[in-house]
Amino acid sequence: CGDAARMAKDVDATLTSIIKTHGGMSESAAHEYKRELVADKRYVRDVY
Protein backbone atom coordinates (compact mmCIF):
# COMPACT_ATOMS: atom_id res chain seq x y z
CA CYS A 1 0.00 0.00 0.00
CA GLY A 2 1.09 3.53 -0.60
CA ASP A 3 -0.10 7.09 -0.68
CA ALA A 4 -1.77 7.55 -4.08
CA ALA A 5 -1.07 11.28 -4.20
CA ARG A 6 2.68 11.01 -3.61
CA MET A 7 3.29 7.56 -5.03
CA ALA A 8 1.73 8.44 -8.40
CA LYS A 9 4.07 11.44 -8.72
CA ASP A 10 7.07 9.31 -7.82
CA VAL A 11 6.15 6.60 -10.32
CA ASP A 12 5.63 9.26 -13.00
CA ALA A 13 9.03 10.84 -12.24
CA THR A 14 10.70 7.43 -12.29
CA LEU A 15 9.16 6.61 -15.66
CA THR A 16 10.45 9.91 -17.04
CA SER A 17 13.91 9.09 -15.71
CA ILE A 18 13.84 5.64 -17.32
CA ILE A 19 12.75 7.12 -20.65
CA LYS A 20 15.56 9.69 -20.47
CA THR A 21 18.23 7.17 -19.55
CA HIS A 22 17.31 4.25 -21.75
CA GLY A 23 15.76 6.25 -24.58
CA GLY A 24 18.62 8.73 -24.73
CA MET A 25 16.18 11.64 -24.53
CA SER A 26 16.27 15.07 -22.97
CA GLU A 27 13.90 15.96 -20.14
CA SER A 28 11.48 17.72 -22.49
CA ALA A 29 11.59 14.91 -25.08
CA ALA A 30 10.91 12.34 -22.35
CA HIS A 31 7.88 14.33 -21.16
CA GLU A 32 6.59 14.58 -24.73
CA TYR A 33 7.08 10.85 -25.26
CA LYS A 34 5.18 10.15 -22.04
CA ARG A 35 2.35 12.45 -23.21
CA GLU A 36 2.18 10.39 -26.42
CA LEU A 37 1.98 7.19 -24.38
CA VAL A 38 -0.94 8.65 -22.41
CA ALA A 39 -2.69 9.88 -25.59
CA ASP A 40 -2.32 6.42 -27.16
CA LYS A 41 -3.61 4.84 -23.92
CA ARG A 42 -0.36 2.90 -23.56
CA TYR A 43 0.31 4.45 -20.14
CA VAL A 44 -2.67 4.61 -17.81
CA ARG A 45 -2.35 5.47 -14.15
CA ASP A 46 -4.64 3.46 -11.89
CA VAL A 47 -4.23 4.99 -8.45
CA TYR A 48 -6.59 5.50 -5.56
PDB file of N, CA and C in Angstrom:
ATOM      1  N   CYS A   1       0.842  -1.183   0.000  1.00  0.00           N
ATOM      2  CA  CYS A   1       0.000   0.000   0.000  1.00  0.00           C
ATOM      3  C   CYS A   1       0.878   1.233   0.000  1.00  0.00           C
ATOM      4  N   GLY A   2       0.356   2.280  -0.559  1.00  0.00           N
ATOM      5  CA  GLY A   2       1.091   3.530  -0.602  1.00  0.00           C
ATOM      6  C   GLY A   2       0.129   4.697  -0.658  1.00  0.00           C
ATOM      7  N   ASP A   3       0.664   5.860  -0.596  1.00  0.00           N
ATOM      8  CA  ASP A   3      -0.101   7.091  -0.677  1.00  0.00           C
ATOM      9  C   ASP A   3      -0.283   7.428  -2.156  1.00  0.00           C
ATOM     10  N   ALA A   4      -1.506   7.358  -2.650  1.00  0.00           N
ATOM     11  CA  ALA A   4      -1.771   7.551  -4.078  1.00  0.00           C
ATOM     12  C   ALA A   4      -1.288   8.910  -4.571  1.00  0.00           C
ATOM     13  N   ALA A   5      -1.453   9.944  -3.766  1.00  0.00           N
ATOM     14  CA  ALA A   5      -1.067  11.285  -4.201  1.00  0.00           C
ATOM     15  C   ALA A   5       0.438  11.389  -4.421  1.00  0.00           C
ATOM     16  N   ARG A   6       1.215  10.904  -3.485  1.00  0.00           N
ATOM     17  CA  ARG A   6       2.676  11.005  -3.611  1.00  0.00           C
ATOM     18  C   ARG A   6       3.258   9.885  -4.459  1.00  0.00           C
ATOM     19  N   MET A   7       2.735   8.694  -4.308  1.00  0.00           N
ATOM     20  CA  MET A   7       3.292   7.560  -5.031  1.00  0.00           C
ATOM     21  C   MET A   7       3.123   7.742  -6.539  1.00  0.00           C
ATOM     22  N   ALA A   8       1.971   8.237  -6.976  1.00  0.00           N
ATOM     23  CA  ALA A   8       1.733   8.439  -8.404  1.00  0.00           C
ATOM     24  C   ALA A   8       2.754   9.413  -8.990  1.00  0.00           C
ATOM     25  N   LYS A   9       3.065  10.475  -8.258  1.00  0.00           N
ATOM     26  CA  LYS A   9       4.068  11.441  -8.716  1.00  0.00           C
ATOM     27  C   LYS A   9       5.439  10.791  -8.811  1.00  0.00           C
ATOM     28  N   ASP A  10       5.771   9.984  -7.824  1.00  0.00           N
ATOM     29  CA  ASP A  10       7.072   9.311  -7.816  1.00  0.00           C
ATOM     30  C   ASP A  10       7.196   8.309  -8.960  1.00  0.00           C
ATOM     31  N   VAL A  11       6.137   7.561  -9.215  1.00  0.00           N
ATOM     32  CA  VAL A  11       6.145   6.600 -10.322  1.00  0.00           C
ATOM     33  C   VAL A  11       6.287   7.350 -11.641  1.00  0.00           C
ATOM     34  N   ASP A  12       5.568   8.451 -11.785  1.00  0.00           N
ATOM     35  CA  ASP A  12       5.635   9.262 -12.996  1.00  0.00           C
ATOM     36  C   ASP A  12       7.049   9.808 -13.209  1.00  0.00           C
ATOM     37  N   ALA A  13       7.660  10.313 -12.146  1.00  0.00           N
ATOM     38  CA  ALA A  13       9.028  10.837 -12.237  1.00  0.00           C
ATOM     39  C   ALA A  13      10.022   9.729 -12.572  1.00  0.00           C
ATOM     40  N   THR A  14       9.820   8.559 -12.007  1.00  0.00           N
ATOM     41  CA  THR A  14      10.704   7.430 -12.289  1.00  0.00           C
ATOM     42  C   THR A  14      10.573   6.993 -13.737  1.00  0.00           C
ATOM     43  N   LEU A  15       9.357   6.963 -14.255  1.00  0.00           N
ATOM     44  CA  LEU A  15       9.159   6.607 -15.658  1.00  0.00           C
ATOM     45  C   LEU A  15       9.864   7.613 -16.566  1.00  0.00           C
ATOM     46  N   THR A  16       9.760   8.886 -16.254  1.00  0.00           N
ATOM     47  CA  THR A  16      10.452   9.910 -17.037  1.00  0.00           C
ATOM     48  C   THR A  16      11.952   9.677 -17.002  1.00  0.00           C
ATOM     49  N   SER A  17      12.479   9.363 -15.850  1.00  0.00           N
ATOM     50  CA  SER A  17      13.910   9.094 -15.710  1.00  0.00           C
ATOM     51  C   SER A  17      14.335   7.887 -16.546  1.00  0.00           C
ATOM     52  N   ILE A  18      13.531   6.841 -16.531  1.00  0.00           N
ATOM     53  CA  ILE A  18      13.836   5.640 -17.320  1.00  0.00           C
ATOM     54  C   ILE A  18      13.829   5.972 -18.810  1.00  0.00           C
ATOM     55  N   ILE A  19      12.829   6.735 -19.242  1.00  0.00           N
ATOM     56  CA  ILE A  19      12.747   7.120 -20.654  1.00  0.00           C
ATOM     57  C   ILE A  19      13.975   7.934 -21.046  1.00  0.00           C
ATOM     58  N   LYS A  20      14.373   8.877 -20.184  1.00  0.00           N
ATOM     59  CA  LYS A  20      15.559   9.694 -20.469  1.00  0.00           C
ATOM     60  C   LYS A  20      16.804   8.833 -20.584  1.00  0.00           C
ATOM     61  N   THR A  21      17.012   7.970 -19.613  1.00  0.00           N
ATOM     62  CA  THR A  21      18.231   7.166 -19.546  1.00  0.00           C
ATOM     63  C   THR A  21      18.306   6.144 -20.662  1.00  0.00           C
ATOM     64  N   HIS A  22      17.263   5.367 -20.803  1.00  0.00           N
ATOM     65  CA  HIS A  22      17.306   4.251 -21.747  1.00  0.00           C
ATOM     66  C   HIS A  22      16.850   4.634 -23.151  1.00  0.00           C
ATOM     67  N   GLY A  23      16.185   5.771 -23.262  1.00  0.00           N
ATOM     68  CA  GLY A  23      15.764   6.246 -24.576  1.00  0.00           C
ATOM     69  C   GLY A  23      16.697   7.300 -25.128  1.00  0.00           C
ATOM     70  N   GLY A  24      17.670   7.709 -24.303  1.00  0.00           N
ATOM     71  CA  GLY A  24      18.621   8.725 -24.735  1.00  0.00           C
ATOM     72  C   GLY A  24      17.948  10.049 -25.064  1.00  0.00           C
ATOM     73  N   MET A  25      16.960  10.427 -24.257  1.00  0.00           N
ATOM     74  CA  MET A  25      16.184  11.638 -24.530  1.00  0.00           C
ATOM     75  C   MET A  25      16.472  12.720 -23.502  1.00  0.00           C
ATOM     76  N   SER A  26      16.196  13.945 -23.906  1.00  0.00           N
ATOM     77  CA  SER A  26      16.273  15.068 -22.975  1.00  0.00           C
ATOM     78  C   SER A  26      15.038  15.033 -22.073  1.00  0.00           C
ATOM     79  N   GLU A  27      15.040  15.868 -21.062  1.00  0.00           N
ATOM     80  CA  GLU A  27      13.897  15.957 -20.143  1.00  0.00           C
ATOM     81  C   GLU A  27      12.616  16.295 -20.908  1.00  0.00           C
ATOM     82  N   SER A  28      12.681  17.311 -21.763  1.00  0.00           N
ATOM     83  CA  SER A  28      11.476  17.723 -22.495  1.00  0.00           C
ATOM     84  C   SER A  28      11.021  16.652 -23.484  1.00  0.00           C
ATOM     85  N   ALA A  29      11.956  15.977 -24.144  1.00  0.00           N
ATOM     86  CA  ALA A  29      11.594  14.907 -25.079  1.00  0.00           C
ATOM     87  C   ALA A  29      10.961  13.733 -24.333  1.00  0.00           C
ATOM     88  N   ALA A  30      11.474  13.433 -23.150  1.00  0.00           N
ATOM     89  CA  ALA A  30      10.909  12.344 -22.347  1.00  0.00           C
ATOM     90  C   ALA A  30       9.484  12.672 -21.923  1.00  0.00           C
ATOM     91  N   HIS A  31       9.238  13.926 -21.540  1.00  0.00           N
ATOM     92  CA  HIS A  31       7.879  14.330 -21.161  1.00  0.00           C
ATOM     93  C   HIS A  31       6.938  14.238 -22.363  1.00  0.00           C
ATOM     94  N   GLU A  32       7.413  14.657 -23.521  1.00  0.00           N
ATOM     95  CA  GLU A  32       6.593  14.585 -24.732  1.00  0.00           C
ATOM     96  C   GLU A  32       6.284  13.129 -25.089  1.00  0.00           C
ATOM     97  N   TYR A  33       7.282  12.270 -24.974  1.00  0.00           N
ATOM     98  CA  TYR A  33       7.081  10.849 -25.257  1.00  0.00           C
ATOM     99  C   TYR A  33       6.041  10.258 -24.306  1.00  0.00           C
ATOM    100  N   LYS A  34       6.142  10.647 -23.038  1.00  0.00           N
ATOM    101  CA  LYS A  34       5.185  10.154 -22.043  1.00  0.00           C
ATOM    102  C   LYS A  34       3.776  10.665 -22.357  1.00  0.00           C
ATOM    103  N   ARG A  35       3.660  11.910 -22.814  1.00  0.00           N
ATOM    104  CA  ARG A  35       2.351  12.446 -23.215  1.00  0.00           C
ATOM    105  C   ARG A  35       1.767  11.634 -24.378  1.00  0.00           C
ATOM    106  N   GLU A  36       2.632  11.232 -25.305  1.00  0.00           N
ATOM    107  CA  GLU A  36       2.182  10.394 -26.421  1.00  0.00           C
ATOM    108  C   GLU A  36       1.692   9.033 -25.918  1.00  0.00           C
ATOM    109  N   LEU A  37       2.409   8.463 -24.955  1.00  0.00           N
ATOM    110  CA  LEU A  37       1.976   7.186 -24.378  1.00  0.00           C
ATOM    111  C   LEU A  37       0.590   7.318 -23.753  1.00  0.00           C
ATOM    112  N   VAL A  38       0.362   8.412 -23.048  1.00  0.00           N
ATOM    113  CA  VAL A  38      -0.936   8.654 -22.414  1.00  0.00           C
ATOM    114  C   VAL A  38      -2.008   8.831 -23.488  1.00  0.00           C
ATOM    115  N   ALA A  39      -1.718   9.629 -24.516  1.00  0.00           N
ATOM    116  CA  ALA A  39      -2.687   9.880 -25.588  1.00  0.00           C
ATOM    117  C   ALA A  39      -3.057   8.591 -26.319  1.00  0.00           C
ATOM    118  N   ASP A  40      -2.089   7.703 -26.476  1.00  0.00           N
ATOM    119  CA  ASP A  40      -2.322   6.424 -27.157  1.00  0.00           C
ATOM    120  C   ASP A  40      -2.867   5.351 -26.213  1.00  0.00           C
ATOM    121  N   LYS A  41      -3.114   5.755 -24.961  1.00  0.00           N
ATOM    122  CA  LYS A  41      -3.609   4.836 -23.918  1.00  0.00           C
ATOM    123  C   LYS A  41      -2.667   3.655 -23.687  1.00  0.00           C
ATOM    124  N   ARG A  42      -1.363   3.925 -23.829  1.00  0.00           N
ATOM    125  CA  ARG A  42      -0.355   2.902 -23.561  1.00  0.00           C
ATOM    126  C   ARG A  42       0.204   3.053 -22.150  1.00  0.00           C
ATOM    127  N   TYR A  43      -0.082   4.210 -21.529  1.00  0.00           N
ATOM    128  CA  TYR A  43       0.308   4.455 -20.143  1.00  0.00           C
ATOM    129  C   TYR A  43      -0.918   5.007 -19.431  1.00  0.00           C
ATOM    130  N   VAL A  44      -1.476   4.214 -18.543  1.00  0.00           N
ATOM    131  CA  VAL A  44      -2.673   4.605 -17.811  1.00  0.00           C
ATOM    132  C   VAL A  44      -2.391   4.447 -16.326  1.00  0.00           C
ATOM    133  N   ARG A  45      -2.577   5.530 -15.594  1.00  0.00           N
ATOM    134  CA  ARG A  45      -2.354   5.470 -14.150  1.00  0.00           C
ATOM    135  C   ARG A  45      -3.633   5.008 -13.469  1.00  0.00           C
ATOM    136  N   ASP A  46      -3.511   4.002 -12.643  1.00  0.00           N
ATOM    137  CA  ASP A  46      -4.645   3.462 -11.895  1.00  0.00           C
ATOM    138  C   ASP A  46      -4.297   3.566 -10.415  1.00  0.00           C
ATOM    139  N   VAL A  47      -4.572   4.737  -9.858  1.00  0.00           N
ATOM    140  CA  VAL A  47      -4.228   4.986  -8.453  1.00  0.00           C
ATOM    141  C   VAL A  47      -5.478   5.413  -7.692  1.00  0.00           C
ATOM    142  N   TYR A  48      -5.464   5.104  -6.419  1.00  0.00           N
ATOM    143  CA  TYR A  48      -6.587   5.502  -5.562  1.00  0.00           C
ATOM    144  C   TYR A  48      -6.127   5.657  -4.149  1.00  0.00           C
TER     145      TYR A  48
END
